[in-house]
Amino acid sequence: MFDLQSTSVVVTGGSKGIGRGIAAVFASAGANVAIAARSTAELDSVVAELDALGSGKVLGIQTDVTDPVACAELAASVVDAFGGIDVVCANAGIFPEAPLATMTPAQLAEVLDVNVKGNVFTVQACLDALIASGRGRVILTSSITGPITGFPGWSHYGASKAAQLGFMRTAAIELAPHGITVNAVLPGNIFTEGLADMGEDYIAGMTKAIPAGALGKPEDIGHLAAFLATVEAGYITGQAIAVDGGQVLPESPDALNT
């Protein structure tokens, strides 16, 4: 069960944070993994790190997911290297803070371009290969912020993450006849470089609000993505699954003081 050996996987935003965790889980399972990132600064070191984890091949590709041409080049490079694409983990995303009262059109456009259009362009570029696979899997990295919760300063981010789920549901219907499933993972507070930048007070507050009593790890998202990529998960599509240690469950902070 749950065999991912030689499966061809694309992970956008794969050089750090959650994307790196997703890529590491697939690499450890013996998949061939292509990580795409906008910056080349960390690609080589991450490729070397992932290459040591499993028996599959690892490829790093510089890609700007907001550019449909770059996404098409990414897909072509992966097909050339691995012979096809079975799984697309559309993970690339940004979350700059911008209060609604002062948010500029450029700030809004930047977030929507990466987090929404980037998902659509990535899936479109890989679609022919996913169809050819006969068992294609699309896994979007959304968030609890937007679809379930809100947080000051992230209205544009929350809107983009909710939009991903609208895309997911219709894409799941359109692609089901081709044997392709489309699902989304909704991370809670996962300890990444970006979260570390929020400061110790933010981290302590969020940890206190999680029933599991700890922040998540990038690999926690990777484990769900890997399951959704299996043959056994082929009857699951159009679903948004939170991985948050129970963060969205308490109706008030007092619920945790029992």
C-alpha atoms as a PDB file:
ATOM      1  CA  MET A   1       0.000   0.000   0.000  1.00  0.00           C
ATOM      2  CA  PHE A   2       0.913   3.652  -0.478  1.00  0.00           C
ATOM      3  CA  ASP A   3       3.712   2.999  -2.960  1.00  0.00           C
ATOM      4  CA  LEU A   4       5.169   6.206  -4.436  1.00  0.00           C
ATOM      5  CA  GLN A   5       8.323   4.676  -5.889  1.00  0.00           C
ATOM      6  CA  SER A   6       9.220   6.267  -9.259  1.00  0.00           C
ATOM      7  CA  THR A   7       6.197   8.572  -9.132  1.00  0.00           C
ATOM      8  CA  SER A   8       6.971  11.871 -10.882  1.00  0.00           C
ATOM      9  CA  VAL A   9       6.228  14.842  -8.619  1.00  0.00           C
ATOM     10  CA  VAL A  10       6.407  18.612  -9.123  1.00  0.00           C
ATOM     11  CA  VAL A  11       6.537  20.842  -6.034  1.00  0.00           C
ATOM     12  CA  THR A  12       6.398  24.583  -6.616  1.00  0.00           C
ATOM     13  CA  GLY A  13       7.869  26.769  -3.906  1.00  0.00           C
ATOM     14  CA  GLY A  14       9.899  23.692  -3.024  1.00  0.00           C
ATOM     15  CA  SER A  15      13.148  25.234  -1.836  1.00  0.00           C
ATOM     16  CA  LYS A  16      11.986  26.259   1.638  1.00  0.00           C
ATOM     17  CA  GLY A  17       9.274  26.004   4.253  1.00  0.00           C
ATOM     18  CA  ILE A  18       6.247  23.825   3.614  1.00  0.00           C
ATOM     19  CA  GLY A  19       7.293  23.123   0.032  1.00  0.00           C
ATOM     20  CA  ARG A  20      10.627  21.781   1.200  1.00  0.00           C
ATOM     21  CA  GLY A  21       8.835  19.557   3.705  1.00  0.00           C
ATOM     22  CA  ILE A  22       6.494  18.230   1.016  1.00  0.00           C
ATOM     23  CA  ALA A  23       9.413  17.528  -1.314  1.00  0.00           C
ATOM     24  CA  ALA A  24      11.334  15.766   1.463  1.00  0.00           C
ATOM     25  CA  VAL A  25       8.461  13.373   2.193  1.00  0.00           C
ATOM     26  CA  PHE A  26       8.085  12.459  -1.488  1.00  0.00           C
ATOM     27  CA  ALA A  27      11.850  12.059  -1.929  1.00  0.00           C
ATOM     28  CA  SER A  28      12.024   9.801   1.137  1.00  0.00           C
ATOM     29  CA  ALA A  29       9.281   7.655  -0.407  1.00  0.00           C
ATOM     30  CA  GLY A  30      11.379   7.072  -3.531  1.00  0.00           C
ATOM     31  CA  ALA A  31       9.557   9.465  -5.849  1.00  0.00           C
ATOM     32  CA  ASN A  32      11.251  11.483  -8.572  1.00  0.00           C
ATOM     33  CA  VAL A  33      10.885  15.057  -7.344  1.00  0.00           C
ATOM     34  CA  ALA A  34      11.232  18.349  -9.213  1.00  0.00           C
ATOM     35  CA  ILE A  35      11.318  21.400  -6.977  1.00  0.00           C
ATOM     36  CA  ALA A  36      10.567  24.749  -8.558  1.00  0.00           C
ATOM     37  CA  ALA A  37      11.479  28.063  -6.970  1.00  0.00           C
ATOM     38  CA  ARG A  38      11.634  31.671  -8.064  1.00  0.00           C
ATOM     39  CA  SER A  39      15.082  32.153  -6.542  1.00  0.00           C
ATOM     40  CA  THR A  40      18.032  29.933  -7.420  1.00  0.00           C
ATOM     41  CA  ALA A  41      19.908  30.822  -4.211  1.00  0.00           C
ATOM     42  CA  GLU A  42      18.965  27.654  -2.322  1.00  0.00           C
ATOM     43  CA  LEU A  43      18.047  25.262  -5.124  1.00  0.00           C
ATOM     44  CA  ASP A  44      21.364  23.435  -5.428  1.00  0.00           C
ATOM     45  CA  SER A  45      21.743  22.809  -1.699  1.00  0.00           C
ATOM     46  CA  VAL A  46      18.139  21.638  -1.329  1.00  0.00           C
ATOM     47  CA  VAL A  47      18.469  19.316  -4.334  1.00  0.00           C
ATOM     48  CA  ALA A  48      21.573  17.753  -2.776  1.00  0.00           C
ATOM     49  CA  GLU A  49      19.775  17.364   0.549  1.00  0.00           C
ATOM     50  CA  LEU A  50      16.725  15.713  -1.014  1.00  0.00           C
ATOM     51  CA  ASP A  51      18.834  13.521  -3.290  1.00  0.00           C
ATOM     52  CA  ALA A  52      20.281  11.812  -0.224  1.00  0.00           C
ATOM     53  CA  LEU A  53      16.876  10.887   1.156  1.00  0.00           C
ATOM     54  CA  GLY A  54      15.634   8.275  -1.310  1.00  0.00           C
ATOM     55  CA  SER A  55      16.146   6.270  -4.457  1.00  0.00           C
ATOM     56  CA  GLY A  56      14.451   8.678  -6.877  1.00  0.00           C
ATOM     57  CA  LYS A  57      15.849  11.516  -8.927  1.00  0.00           C
ATOM     58  CA  VAL A  58      15.731  15.123  -7.738  1.00  0.00           C
ATOM     59  CA  LEU A  59      15.659  18.133 -10.026  1.00  0.00           C
ATOM     60  CA  GLY A  60      15.724  21.862  -9.240  1.00  0.00           C
ATOM     61  CA  ILE A  61      14.208  24.328 -11.710  1.00  0.00           C
ATOM     62  CA  GLN A  62      14.062  28.114 -11.486  1.00  0.00           C
ATOM     63  CA  THR A  63      10.454  29.098 -12.179  1.00  0.00           C
ATOM     64  CA  ASP A  64       8.205  32.122 -11.758  1.00  0.00           C
ATOM     65  CA  VAL A  65       4.708  30.663 -11.364  1.00  0.00           C
ATOM     66  CA  THR A  66       3.114  33.992 -12.281  1.00  0.00           C
ATOM     67  CA  ASP A  67       4.436  33.518 -15.840  1.00  0.00           C
ATOM     68  CA  PRO A  68       2.513  30.944 -17.918  1.00  0.00           C
ATOM     69  CA  VAL A  69       5.474  30.532 -20.272  1.00  0.00           C
ATOM     70  CA  ALA A  70       7.781  29.724 -17.363  1.00  0.00           C
ATOM     71  CA  CYS A  71       5.240  27.196 -16.063  1.00  0.00           C
ATOM     72  CA  ALA A  72       5.093  25.531 -19.485  1.00  0.00           C
ATOM     73  CA  GLU A  73       8.897  25.341 -19.521  1.00  0.00           C
ATOM     74  CA  LEU A  74       8.821  23.792 -16.047  1.00  0.00           C
ATOM     75  CA  ALA A  75       6.406  21.088 -17.158  1.00  0.00           C
ATOM     76  CA  ALA A  76       8.431  20.346 -20.293  1.00  0.00           C
ATOM     77  CA  SER A  77      11.652  20.040 -18.296  1.00  0.00           C
ATOM     78  CA  VAL A  78      10.078  17.616 -15.825  1.00  0.00           C
ATOM     79  CA  VAL A  79       8.583  15.460 -18.575  1.00  0.00           C
ATOM     80  CA  ASP A  80      11.956  15.402 -20.314  1.00  0.00           C
ATOM     81  CA  ALA A  81      13.779  14.433 -17.099  1.00  0.00           C
ATOM     82  CA  PHE A  82      11.288  11.984 -15.574  1.00  0.00           C
ATOM     83  CA  GLY A  83       9.218  10.826 -18.549  1.00  0.00           C
ATOM     84  CA  GLY A  84       5.978  12.344 -17.284  1.00  0.00           C
ATOM     85  CA  ILE A  85       4.201  14.037 -14.396  1.00  0.00           C
ATOM     86  CA  ASP A  86       1.964  12.153 -11.963  1.00  0.00           C
ATOM     87  CA  VAL A  87       1.618  14.647  -9.111  1.00  0.00           C
ATOM     88  CA  VAL A  88       1.553  18.436  -8.975  1.00  0.00           C
ATOM     89  CA  CYS A  89       1.907  20.066  -5.565  1.00  0.00           C
ATOM     90  CA  ALA A  90       1.022  23.700  -6.259  1.00  0.00           C
ATOM     91  CA  ASN A  91       2.583  25.117  -3.136  1.00  0.00           C
ATOM     92  CA  ALA A  92       4.226  28.413  -4.155  1.00  0.00           C
ATOM     93  CA  GLY A  93       2.777  31.256  -2.127  1.00  0.00           C
ATOM     94  CA  ILE A  94       3.575  34.535  -0.405  1.00  0.00           C
ATOM     95  CA  PHE A  95       2.101  36.235   2.670  1.00  0.00           C
ATOM     96  CA  PRO A  96       3.321  39.818   3.042  1.00  0.00           C
ATOM     97  CA  GLU A  97       1.465  41.795   5.674  1.00  0.00           C
ATOM     98  CA  ALA A  98      -0.722  44.688   4.486  1.00  0.00           C
ATOM     99  CA  PRO A  99      -3.529  46.235   6.574  1.00  0.00           C
ATOM    100  CA  LEU A 100      -6.695  46.748   4.552  1.00  0.00           C
ATOM    101  CA  ALA A 101      -6.745  50.513   5.144  1.00  0.00           C
ATOM    102  CA  THR A 102      -3.337  51.019   3.550  1.00  0.00           C
ATOM    103  CA  MET A 103      -3.100  48.092   1.112  1.00  0.00           C
ATOM    104  CA  THR A 104      -2.068  49.224  -2.352  1.00  0.00           C
ATOM    105  CA  PRO A 105      -3.335  47.794  -5.640  1.00  0.00           C
ATOM    106  CA  ALA A 106       0.180  46.511  -6.268  1.00  0.00           C
ATOM    107  CA  GLN A 107       0.263  44.631  -2.961  1.00  0.00           C
ATOM    108  CA  LEU A 108      -3.096  43.023  -3.676  1.00  0.00           C
ATOM    109  CA  ALA A 109      -2.101  42.097  -7.224  1.00  0.00           C
ATOM    110  CA  GLU A 110       1.181  40.546  -6.094  1.00  0.00           C
ATOM    111  CA  VAL A 111      -0.511  38.163  -3.669  1.00  0.00           C
ATOM    112  CA  LEU A 112      -3.283  37.177  -6.082  1.00  0.00           C
ATOM    113  CA  ASP A 113      -0.779  36.698  -8.919  1.00  0.00           C
ATOM    114  CA  VAL A 114       1.363  34.249  -6.955  1.00  0.00           C
ATOM    115  CA  ASN A 115      -1.196  32.489  -4.792  1.00  0.00           C
ATOM    116  CA  VAL A 116      -4.108  32.191  -7.229  1.00  0.00           C
ATOM    117  CA  LYS A 117      -2.896  32.684 -10.783  1.00  0.00           C
ATOM    118  CA  GLY A 118       0.284  30.774  -9.991  1.00  0.00           C
ATOM    119  CA  ASN A 119      -1.784  27.727  -9.012  1.00  0.00           C
ATOM    120  CA  VAL A 120      -3.895  27.916 -12.144  1.00  0.00           C
ATOM    121  CA  PHE A 121      -0.925  28.419 -14.475  1.00  0.00           C
ATOM    122  CA  THR A 122       0.986  25.537 -12.870  1.00  0.00           C
ATOM    123  CA  VAL A 123      -1.891  23.094 -13.208  1.00  0.00           C
ATOM    124  CA  GLN A 124      -2.644  24.203 -16.774  1.00  0.00           C
ATOM    125  CA  ALA A 125       0.986  23.722 -17.789  1.00  0.00           C
ATOM    126  CA  CYS A 126       1.102  20.197 -16.355  1.00  0.00           C
ATOM    127  CA  LEU A 127      -2.348  19.142 -17.510  1.00  0.00           C
ATOM    128  CA  ASP A 128      -1.405  17.169 -20.621  1.00  0.00           C
ATOM    129  CA  ALA A 129       1.162  15.188 -18.641  1.00  0.00           C
ATOM    130  CA  LEU A 130      -1.295  14.562 -15.799  1.00  0.00           C
ATOM    131  CA  ILE A 131      -3.855  13.247 -18.273  1.00  0.00           C
ATOM    132  CA  ALA A 132      -1.228  11.016 -19.879  1.00  0.00           C
ATOM    133  CA  SER A 133      -0.378   9.644 -16.435  1.00  0.00           C
ATOM    134  CA  GLY A 134      -3.843   8.126 -16.128  1.00  0.00           C
ATOM    135  CA  ARG A 135      -3.823   8.732 -12.368  1.00  0.00           C
ATOM    136  CA  GLY A 136      -2.852  12.364 -12.010  1.00  0.00           C
ATOM    137  CA  ARG A 137      -2.956  14.118  -8.666  1.00  0.00           C
ATOM    138  CA  VAL A 138      -3.157  17.859  -7.958  1.00  0.00           C
ATOM    139  CA  ILE A 139      -2.574  19.008  -4.383  1.00  0.00           C
ATOM    140  CA  LEU A 140      -2.922  22.698  -3.556  1.00  0.00           C
ATOM    141  CA  THR A 141      -1.414  24.302  -0.470  1.00  0.00           C
ATOM    142  CA  SER A 142      -4.160  26.587   0.816  1.00  0.00           C
ATOM    143  CA  SER A 143      -4.430  27.665   4.470  1.00  0.00           C
ATOM    144  CA  ILE A 144      -6.831  27.804   7.377  1.00  0.00           C
ATOM    145  CA  THR A 145      -6.477  31.600   7.026  1.00  0.00           C
ATOM    146  CA  GLY A 146      -9.158  32.702   4.594  1.00  0.00           C
ATOM    147  CA  PRO A 147     -11.200  29.528   4.145  1.00  0.00           C
ATOM    148  CA  ILE A 148     -11.803  29.069   7.908  1.00  0.00           C
ATOM    149  CA  THR A 149     -10.169  31.839   9.947  1.00  0.00           C
ATOM    150  CA  GLY A 150      -8.923  35.399   9.531  1.00  0.00           C
ATOM    151  CA  PHE A 151      -5.949  37.369  10.804  1.00  0.00           C
ATOM    152  CA  PRO A 152      -5.364  41.156  10.782  1.00  0.00           C
ATOM    153  CA  GLY A 153      -3.096  42.304   7.990  1.00  0.00           C
ATOM    154  CA  TRP A 154      -3.751  39.317   5.775  1.00  0.00           C
ATOM    155  CA  SER A 155      -7.057  40.090   4.078  1.00  0.00           C
ATOM    156  CA  HIS A 156      -5.433  39.797   0.637  1.00  0.00           C
ATOM    157  CA  TYR A 157      -3.738  36.545   1.635  1.00  0.00           C
ATOM    158  CA  GLY A 158      -6.953  35.146   3.108  1.00  0.00           C
ATOM    159  CA  ALA A 159      -8.840  36.045  -0.060  1.00  0.00           C
ATOM    160  CA  SER A 160      -6.242  34.272  -2.191  1.00  0.00           C
ATOM    161  CA  LYS A 161      -6.372  31.105  -0.095  1.00  0.00           C
ATOM    162  CA  ALA A 162     -10.162  30.999  -0.232  1.00  0.00           C
ATOM    163  CA  ALA A 163      -9.989  31.524  -3.991  1.00  0.00           C
ATOM    164  CA  GLN A 164      -7.801  28.447  -4.309  1.00  0.00           C
ATOM    165  CA  LEU A 165     -10.658  26.339  -2.976  1.00  0.00           C
ATOM    166  CA  GLY A 166     -13.088  27.728  -5.542  1.00  0.00           C
ATOM    167  CA  PHE A 167     -10.605  26.797  -8.249  1.00  0.00           C
ATOM    168  CA  MET A 168     -10.110  23.352  -6.698  1.00  0.00           C
ATOM    169  CA  ARG A 169     -13.776  22.397  -6.701  1.00  0.00           C
ATOM    170  CA  THR A 170     -14.462  23.170 -10.337  1.00  0.00           C
ATOM    171  CA  ALA A 171     -11.103  21.792 -11.482  1.00  0.00           C
ATOM    172  CA  ALA A 172     -11.912  18.559  -9.626  1.00  0.00           C
ATOM    173  CA  ILE A 173     -15.140  18.203 -11.616  1.00  0.00           C
ATOM    174  CA  GLU A 174     -13.529  19.007 -14.960  1.00  0.00           C
ATOM    175  CA  LEU A 175     -10.572  16.675 -14.458  1.00  0.00           C
ATOM    176  CA  ALA A 176     -12.355  13.706 -12.849  1.00  0.00           C
ATOM    177  CA  PRO A 177     -13.094  12.031 -16.224  1.00  0.00           C
ATOM    178  CA  HIS A 178      -9.324  11.850 -16.772  1.00  0.00           C
ATOM    179  CA  GLY A 179      -8.717  10.060 -13.483  1.00  0.00           C
ATOM    180  CA  ILE A 180      -7.200  13.205 -11.947  1.00  0.00           C
ATOM    181  CA  THR A 181      -8.020  14.203  -8.386  1.00  0.00           C
ATOM    182  CA  VAL A 182      -7.704  17.769  -7.092  1.00  0.00           C
ATOM    183  CA  ASN A 183      -7.501  18.412  -3.351  1.00  0.00           C
ATOM    184  CA  ALA A 184      -6.204  21.077  -0.981  1.00  0.00           C
ATOM    185  CA  VAL A 185      -4.254  20.953   2.252  1.00  0.00           C
ATOM    186  CA  LEU A 186      -5.028  23.741   4.730  1.00  0.00           C
ATOM    187  CA  PRO A 187      -2.022  24.200   7.026  1.00  0.00           C
ATOM    188  CA  GLY A 188      -2.390  25.862  10.378  1.00  0.00           C
ATOM    189  CA  ASN A 189       0.676  27.381  12.004  1.00  0.00           C
ATOM    190  CA  ILE A 190       3.626  25.434  10.655  1.00  0.00           C
ATOM    191  CA  PHE A 191       7.102  26.275  11.922  1.00  0.00           C
ATOM    192  CA  THR A 192       8.904  27.602   8.855  1.00  0.00           C
ATOM    193  CA  GLU A 193      11.339  30.425   8.127  1.00  0.00           C
ATOM    194  CA  GLY A 194       8.396  32.725   7.448  1.00  0.00           C
ATOM    195  CA  LEU A 195       6.731  31.959  10.760  1.00  0.00           C
ATOM    196  CA  ALA A 196      10.005  32.402  12.619  1.00  0.00           C
ATOM    197  CA  ASP A 197      10.160  35.924  11.208  1.00  0.00           C
ATOM    198  CA  MET A 198       6.867  36.749  12.958  1.00  0.00           C
ATOM    199  CA  GLY A 199       8.683  36.849  16.280  1.00  0.00           C
ATOM    200  CA  GLU A 200       8.696  34.931  19.570  1.00  0.00           C
ATOM    201  CA  ASP A 201       5.543  36.573  20.946  1.00  0.00           C
ATOM    202  CA  TYR A 202       3.520  35.572  17.877  1.00  0.00           C
ATOM    203  CA  ILE A 203       4.870  32.023  17.997  1.00  0.00           C
ATOM    204  CA  ALA A 204       4.136  31.678  21.720  1.00  0.00           C
ATOM    205  CA  GLY A 205       0.604  32.995  21.278  1.00  0.00           C
ATOM    206  CA  MET A 206      -0.170  30.687  18.404  1.00  0.00           C
ATOM    207  CA  THR A 207       1.298  27.668  20.175  1.00  0.00           C
ATOM    208  CA  LYS A 208      -0.907  28.374  23.175  1.00  0.00           C
ATOM    209  CA  ALA A 209      -3.977  28.439  20.916  1.00  0.00           C
ATOM    210  CA  ILE A 210      -3.333  24.960  19.455  1.00  0.00           C
ATOM    211  CA  PRO A 211      -4.934  22.023  21.299  1.00  0.00           C
ATOM    212  CA  ALA A 212      -2.076  19.741  20.234  1.00  0.00           C
ATOM    213  CA  GLY A 213       0.247  22.082  22.142  1.00  0.00           C
ATOM    214  CA  ALA A 214       2.818  22.580  19.399  1.00  0.00           C
ATOM    215  CA  LEU A 215       3.320  24.174  16.021  1.00  0.00           C
ATOM    216  CA  GLY A 216       3.255  21.853  13.056  1.00  0.00           C
ATOM    217  CA  LYS A 217       6.257  20.780  10.994  1.00  0.00           C
ATOM    218  CA  PRO A 218       6.526  21.137   7.192  1.00  0.00           C
ATOM    219  CA  GLU A 219       6.626  17.347   6.961  1.00  0.00           C
ATOM    220  CA  ASP A 220       3.166  17.190   8.557  1.00  0.00           C
ATOM    221  CA  ILE A 221       1.822  18.801   5.391  1.00  0.00           C
ATOM    222  CA  GLY A 222       4.003  16.534   3.274  1.00  0.00           C
ATOM    223  CA  HIS A 223       2.542  13.383   4.809  1.00  0.00           C
ATOM    224  CA  LEU A 224      -1.003  14.363   3.843  1.00  0.00           C
ATOM    225  CA  ALA A 225       0.128  15.420   0.366  1.00  0.00           C
ATOM    226  CA  ALA A 226       1.854  12.068  -0.083  1.00  0.00           C
ATOM    227  CA  PHE A 227      -1.274  10.177   0.953  1.00  0.00           C
ATOM    228  CA  LEU A 228      -3.442  12.184  -1.438  1.00  0.00           C
ATOM    229  CA  ALA A 229      -0.966  11.297  -4.191  1.00  0.00           C
ATOM    230  CA  THR A 230      -1.399   7.547  -3.760  1.00  0.00           C
ATOM    231  CA  VAL A 231      -3.501   5.171  -5.817  1.00  0.00           C
ATOM    232  CA  GLU A 232      -5.428   4.363  -2.639  1.00  0.00           C
ATOM    233  CA  ALA A 233      -6.605   7.990  -2.352  1.00  0.00           C
ATOM    234  CA  GLY A 234      -8.073   7.978  -5.839  1.00  0.00           C
ATOM    235  CA  TYR A 235     -11.674   8.327  -4.619  1.00  0.00           C
ATOM    236  CA  ILE A 236     -10.924  11.552  -2.726  1.00  0.00           C
ATOM    237  CA  THR A 237     -11.321  14.703  -4.790  1.00  0.00           C
ATOM    238  CA  GLY A 238     -12.472  18.276  -4.330  1.00  0.00           C
ATOM    239  CA  GLN A 239     -11.697  18.180  -0.610  1.00  0.00           C
ATOM    240  CA  ALA A 240     -10.068  20.765   1.659  1.00  0.00           C
ATOM    241  CA  ILE A 241      -8.335  19.141   4.628  1.00  0.00           C
ATOM    242  CA  ALA A 242      -6.973  21.129   7.575  1.00  0.00           C
ATOM    243  CA  VAL A 243      -3.684  20.074   9.158  1.00  0.00           C
ATOM    244  CA  ASP A 244      -3.532  22.346  12.180  1.00  0.00           C
ATOM    245  CA  GLY A 245      -3.270  20.384  15.432  1.00  0.00           C
ATOM    246  CA  GLY A 246      -6.885  21.291  16.144  1.00  0.00           C
ATOM    247  CA  GLN A 247      -6.238  25.032  15.966  1.00  0.00           C
ATOM    248  CA  VAL A 248      -9.646  25.893  14.478  1.00  0.00           C
ATOM    249  CA  LEU A 249     -11.617  23.851  17.036  1.00  0.00           C
ATOM    250  CA  PRO A 250     -11.851  25.993  20.218  1.00  0.00           C
ATOM    251  CA  GLU A 251     -14.686  28.521  20.183  1.00  0.00           C
ATOM    252  CA  SER A 252     -12.736  30.664  22.661  1.00  0.00           C
ATOM    253  CA  PRO A 253      -9.375  30.588  24.492  1.00  0.00           C
ATOM    254  CA  ASP A 254     -11.240  29.374  27.588  1.00  0.00           C
ATOM    255  CA  ALA A 255     -11.941  26.084  25.823  1.00  0.00           C
ATOM    256  CA  LEU A 256      -8.273  25.188  26.247  1.00  0.00           C
ATOM    257  CA  ASN A 257      -8.273  25.841  30.000  1.00  0.00           C
ATOM    258  CA  THR A 258      -9.944  22.596  30.968  1.00  0.00           C
END
